[in-house]
N, C-alpha and C. Protein backbone atom coordinates (compact mmCIF):
# COMPACT_ATOMS: atom_id res chain seq x y z
N MET A 1 -1.50 -0.58 6.72
CA MET A 1 -0.36 0.08 6.16
C MET A 1 0.88 -0.45 6.84
N GLU A 2 1.86 -0.74 6.04
CA GLU A 2 3.14 -1.21 6.54
C GLU A 2 4.22 -0.18 6.20
N TYR A 3 5.14 0.01 7.12
CA TYR A 3 6.35 0.80 6.85
C TYR A 3 7.49 -0.20 6.78
N ALA A 4 8.15 -0.28 5.62
CA ALA A 4 9.12 -1.34 5.40
C ALA A 4 10.49 -0.79 5.05
N ASN A 5 11.47 -1.33 5.71
CA ASN A 5 12.86 -1.05 5.38
C ASN A 5 13.52 -2.38 5.12
N THR A 6 13.77 -3.13 6.18
CA THR A 6 14.36 -4.45 6.02
C THR A 6 13.33 -5.52 5.73
N SER A 7 12.05 -5.24 5.98
CA SER A 7 11.00 -6.24 5.77
C SER A 7 10.27 -6.06 4.44
N LEU A 8 10.82 -5.26 3.54
CA LEU A 8 10.11 -4.93 2.30
C LEU A 8 9.73 -6.16 1.50
N GLU A 9 10.65 -7.07 1.31
CA GLU A 9 10.36 -8.27 0.51
C GLU A 9 9.22 -9.07 1.13
N LYS A 10 9.25 -9.23 2.45
CA LYS A 10 8.19 -9.96 3.15
C LYS A 10 6.85 -9.24 3.00
N ASP A 11 6.86 -7.91 3.11
CA ASP A 11 5.62 -7.15 3.00
C ASP A 11 5.04 -7.22 1.59
N LEU A 12 5.91 -7.28 0.58
CA LEU A 12 5.44 -7.30 -0.81
C LEU A 12 5.12 -8.71 -1.30
N GLU A 13 5.76 -9.72 -0.75
CA GLU A 13 5.59 -11.08 -1.25
C GLU A 13 4.62 -11.91 -0.40
N LEU A 14 4.62 -11.69 0.89
CA LEU A 14 3.82 -12.54 1.78
C LEU A 14 2.60 -11.81 2.34
N LYS A 15 2.83 -10.66 2.93
CA LYS A 15 1.73 -9.96 3.59
C LYS A 15 0.68 -9.47 2.60
N ASP A 16 1.10 -9.14 1.37
CA ASP A 16 0.09 -8.71 0.40
C ASP A 16 -0.84 -9.87 0.05
N LYS A 17 -0.31 -11.07 -0.04
CA LYS A 17 -1.15 -12.24 -0.34
C LYS A 17 -2.09 -12.54 0.83
N ILE A 18 -1.58 -12.43 2.04
CA ILE A 18 -2.42 -12.66 3.22
C ILE A 18 -3.56 -11.65 3.25
N SER A 19 -3.24 -10.39 2.97
CA SER A 19 -4.26 -9.34 2.97
C SER A 19 -5.29 -9.57 1.87
N ALA A 20 -4.83 -9.94 0.68
CA ALA A 20 -5.75 -10.19 -0.44
C ALA A 20 -6.65 -11.38 -0.14
N GLN A 21 -6.08 -12.45 0.43
CA GLN A 21 -6.87 -13.63 0.77
C GLN A 21 -7.91 -13.31 1.83
N ALA A 22 -7.60 -12.35 2.70
CA ALA A 22 -8.54 -11.95 3.75
C ALA A 22 -9.61 -10.99 3.22
N GLY A 23 -9.46 -10.58 1.96
CA GLY A 23 -10.45 -9.70 1.35
C GLY A 23 -10.28 -8.23 1.70
N ILE A 24 -9.10 -7.86 2.18
CA ILE A 24 -8.83 -6.46 2.51
C ILE A 24 -8.74 -5.68 1.20
N ALA A 25 -9.58 -4.67 1.06
CA ALA A 25 -9.73 -3.96 -0.22
C ALA A 25 -8.46 -3.23 -0.66
N GLU A 26 -7.72 -2.70 0.30
CA GLU A 26 -6.49 -1.96 -0.02
C GLU A 26 -5.40 -2.34 0.97
N TYR A 27 -4.19 -2.45 0.46
CA TYR A 27 -3.03 -2.74 1.29
C TYR A 27 -1.94 -1.78 0.85
N TRP A 28 -1.40 -1.02 1.81
CA TRP A 28 -0.40 0.00 1.49
C TRP A 28 0.92 -0.35 2.14
N VAL A 29 2.00 -0.15 1.40
CA VAL A 29 3.35 -0.37 1.93
C VAL A 29 4.19 0.87 1.62
N VAL A 30 4.79 1.45 2.65
CA VAL A 30 5.72 2.55 2.46
C VAL A 30 7.12 1.95 2.40
N ASN A 31 7.79 2.16 1.27
CA ASN A 31 9.17 1.73 1.10
C ASN A 31 10.05 2.84 1.66
N LEU A 32 10.63 2.61 2.82
CA LEU A 32 11.42 3.65 3.48
C LEU A 32 12.71 3.97 2.76
N LYS A 33 13.22 3.03 1.97
CA LYS A 33 14.47 3.28 1.23
C LYS A 33 14.25 4.24 0.07
N THR A 34 13.15 4.08 -0.66
CA THR A 34 12.89 4.92 -1.83
C THR A 34 11.89 6.03 -1.56
N ARG A 35 11.26 5.99 -0.38
CA ARG A 35 10.22 6.96 0.00
C ARG A 35 9.05 6.94 -0.97
N ASP A 36 8.65 5.73 -1.34
CA ASP A 36 7.50 5.52 -2.21
C ASP A 36 6.40 4.82 -1.43
N LEU A 37 5.17 5.04 -1.86
CA LEU A 37 4.02 4.33 -1.31
C LEU A 37 3.52 3.37 -2.38
N ILE A 38 3.46 2.10 -2.03
CA ILE A 38 2.98 1.07 -2.95
C ILE A 38 1.57 0.71 -2.51
N VAL A 39 0.62 0.85 -3.42
CA VAL A 39 -0.79 0.64 -3.11
C VAL A 39 -1.30 -0.57 -3.89
N PHE A 40 -1.83 -1.55 -3.16
CA PHE A 40 -2.43 -2.74 -3.76
C PHE A 40 -3.94 -2.60 -3.60
N ARG A 41 -4.68 -2.90 -4.68
CA ARG A 41 -6.15 -2.78 -4.63
C ARG A 41 -6.81 -3.91 -5.41
N ASN A 42 -8.09 -4.05 -5.16
CA ASN A 42 -8.96 -4.99 -5.89
C ASN A 42 -8.55 -6.45 -5.73
N PRO A 43 -8.68 -6.99 -4.52
CA PRO A 43 -8.34 -8.41 -4.34
C PRO A 43 -9.32 -9.32 -5.08
N PHE A 44 -8.77 -10.35 -5.70
CA PHE A 44 -9.58 -11.34 -6.41
C PHE A 44 -8.84 -12.66 -6.37
N GLU A 45 -9.49 -13.66 -5.81
CA GLU A 45 -8.91 -15.00 -5.70
C GLU A 45 -7.52 -14.99 -5.07
N GLY A 46 -7.38 -14.22 -3.99
CA GLY A 46 -6.15 -14.23 -3.21
C GLY A 46 -5.01 -13.40 -3.76
N GLU A 47 -5.28 -12.60 -4.79
CA GLU A 47 -4.24 -11.74 -5.38
C GLU A 47 -4.83 -10.35 -5.61
N TYR A 48 -3.99 -9.34 -5.45
CA TYR A 48 -4.43 -7.99 -5.80
C TYR A 48 -4.32 -7.80 -7.30
N GLN A 49 -5.34 -7.20 -7.88
CA GLN A 49 -5.39 -7.02 -9.33
C GLN A 49 -4.77 -5.71 -9.78
N ALA A 50 -4.64 -4.74 -8.88
CA ALA A 50 -4.09 -3.43 -9.25
C ALA A 50 -3.01 -3.03 -8.25
N THR A 51 -1.90 -2.54 -8.77
CA THR A 51 -0.80 -2.06 -7.95
C THR A 51 -0.31 -0.75 -8.53
N SER A 52 -0.07 0.22 -7.67
CA SER A 52 0.52 1.48 -8.13
C SER A 52 1.56 1.94 -7.13
N THR A 53 2.56 2.64 -7.63
CA THR A 53 3.63 3.19 -6.80
C THR A 53 3.59 4.70 -6.91
N LEU A 54 3.50 5.36 -5.76
CA LEU A 54 3.36 6.81 -5.71
C LEU A 54 4.47 7.42 -4.87
N SER A 55 4.97 8.56 -5.28
CA SER A 55 5.96 9.27 -4.48
C SER A 55 5.48 10.66 -4.06
N ASP A 56 4.41 11.12 -4.69
CA ASP A 56 3.82 12.40 -4.31
C ASP A 56 2.37 12.44 -4.76
N GLY A 57 1.73 13.57 -4.55
CA GLY A 57 0.34 13.71 -4.94
C GLY A 57 -0.60 13.38 -3.79
N THR A 58 -1.86 13.28 -4.12
CA THR A 58 -2.90 12.99 -3.15
C THR A 58 -3.47 11.61 -3.42
N LEU A 59 -3.60 10.83 -2.37
CA LEU A 59 -4.16 9.48 -2.47
C LEU A 59 -5.57 9.51 -1.90
N TYR A 60 -6.50 9.01 -2.67
CA TYR A 60 -7.88 8.86 -2.22
C TYR A 60 -8.14 7.38 -2.03
N SER A 61 -8.47 7.01 -0.82
CA SER A 61 -8.75 5.62 -0.50
C SER A 61 -10.06 5.20 -1.14
N GLU A 62 -10.07 4.05 -1.79
CA GLU A 62 -11.32 3.53 -2.33
C GLU A 62 -12.24 3.06 -1.21
N SER A 63 -11.65 2.64 -0.11
CA SER A 63 -12.44 2.17 1.03
C SER A 63 -13.08 3.32 1.80
N PHE A 64 -12.41 4.46 1.82
CA PHE A 64 -12.88 5.66 2.51
C PHE A 64 -12.76 6.85 1.56
N PRO A 65 -13.68 6.98 0.60
CA PRO A 65 -13.54 7.96 -0.48
C PRO A 65 -13.50 9.42 -0.04
N THR A 66 -13.95 9.72 1.16
CA THR A 66 -13.90 11.11 1.61
C THR A 66 -12.56 11.45 2.27
N VAL A 67 -11.69 10.47 2.40
CA VAL A 67 -10.38 10.68 3.01
C VAL A 67 -9.35 10.92 1.92
N ALA A 68 -8.63 12.04 2.03
CA ALA A 68 -7.56 12.38 1.10
C ALA A 68 -6.26 12.48 1.90
N LEU A 69 -5.25 11.76 1.46
CA LEU A 69 -3.97 11.75 2.15
C LEU A 69 -2.86 12.22 1.22
N GLU A 70 -1.99 13.07 1.75
CA GLU A 70 -0.84 13.52 0.97
C GLU A 70 0.24 12.46 1.06
N VAL A 71 0.61 11.92 -0.08
CA VAL A 71 1.59 10.83 -0.14
C VAL A 71 2.91 11.27 0.48
N ALA A 72 3.36 12.47 0.20
CA ALA A 72 4.64 12.95 0.73
C ALA A 72 4.67 12.90 2.26
N GLN A 73 3.56 13.20 2.91
CA GLN A 73 3.53 13.14 4.37
C GLN A 73 3.59 11.70 4.86
N LEU A 74 2.94 10.80 4.17
CA LEU A 74 2.97 9.39 4.57
C LEU A 74 4.37 8.81 4.46
N VAL A 75 5.07 9.12 3.38
CA VAL A 75 6.37 8.50 3.16
C VAL A 75 7.47 9.18 3.96
N LEU A 76 7.30 10.41 4.36
CA LEU A 76 8.32 11.11 5.14
C LEU A 76 8.18 10.88 6.63
N GLU A 77 6.99 10.54 7.08
CA GLU A 77 6.77 10.37 8.51
C GLU A 77 7.06 8.96 9.00
N GLY A 78 7.45 8.08 8.09
CA GLY A 78 7.75 6.71 8.49
C GLY A 78 8.96 6.66 9.33
C-alpha cells in the first residue's frame, strides 16, 4: 500500500507496473489529495487487469478474503 501526495503519478505509472511484473496480486494507492483508495488487481503480463477507485465502503482483499477494511479509515489515516 502506498500513500501518495506528491508521488501519485510515480505510484500510478511506475510502481503499479513493477508490482504487476512481480506478480503481486493487489496493489493499493491512497490518493491523499482526493482521499480515494485506488485498487489494482489481477496482474497479467506485467499489467493489472482491474482497477477500481473507492472513497468509502468496505474493502475485502482478494489475497486475504477474511480481512475486511473500512476504506474511510484507510484514506483518513494517511
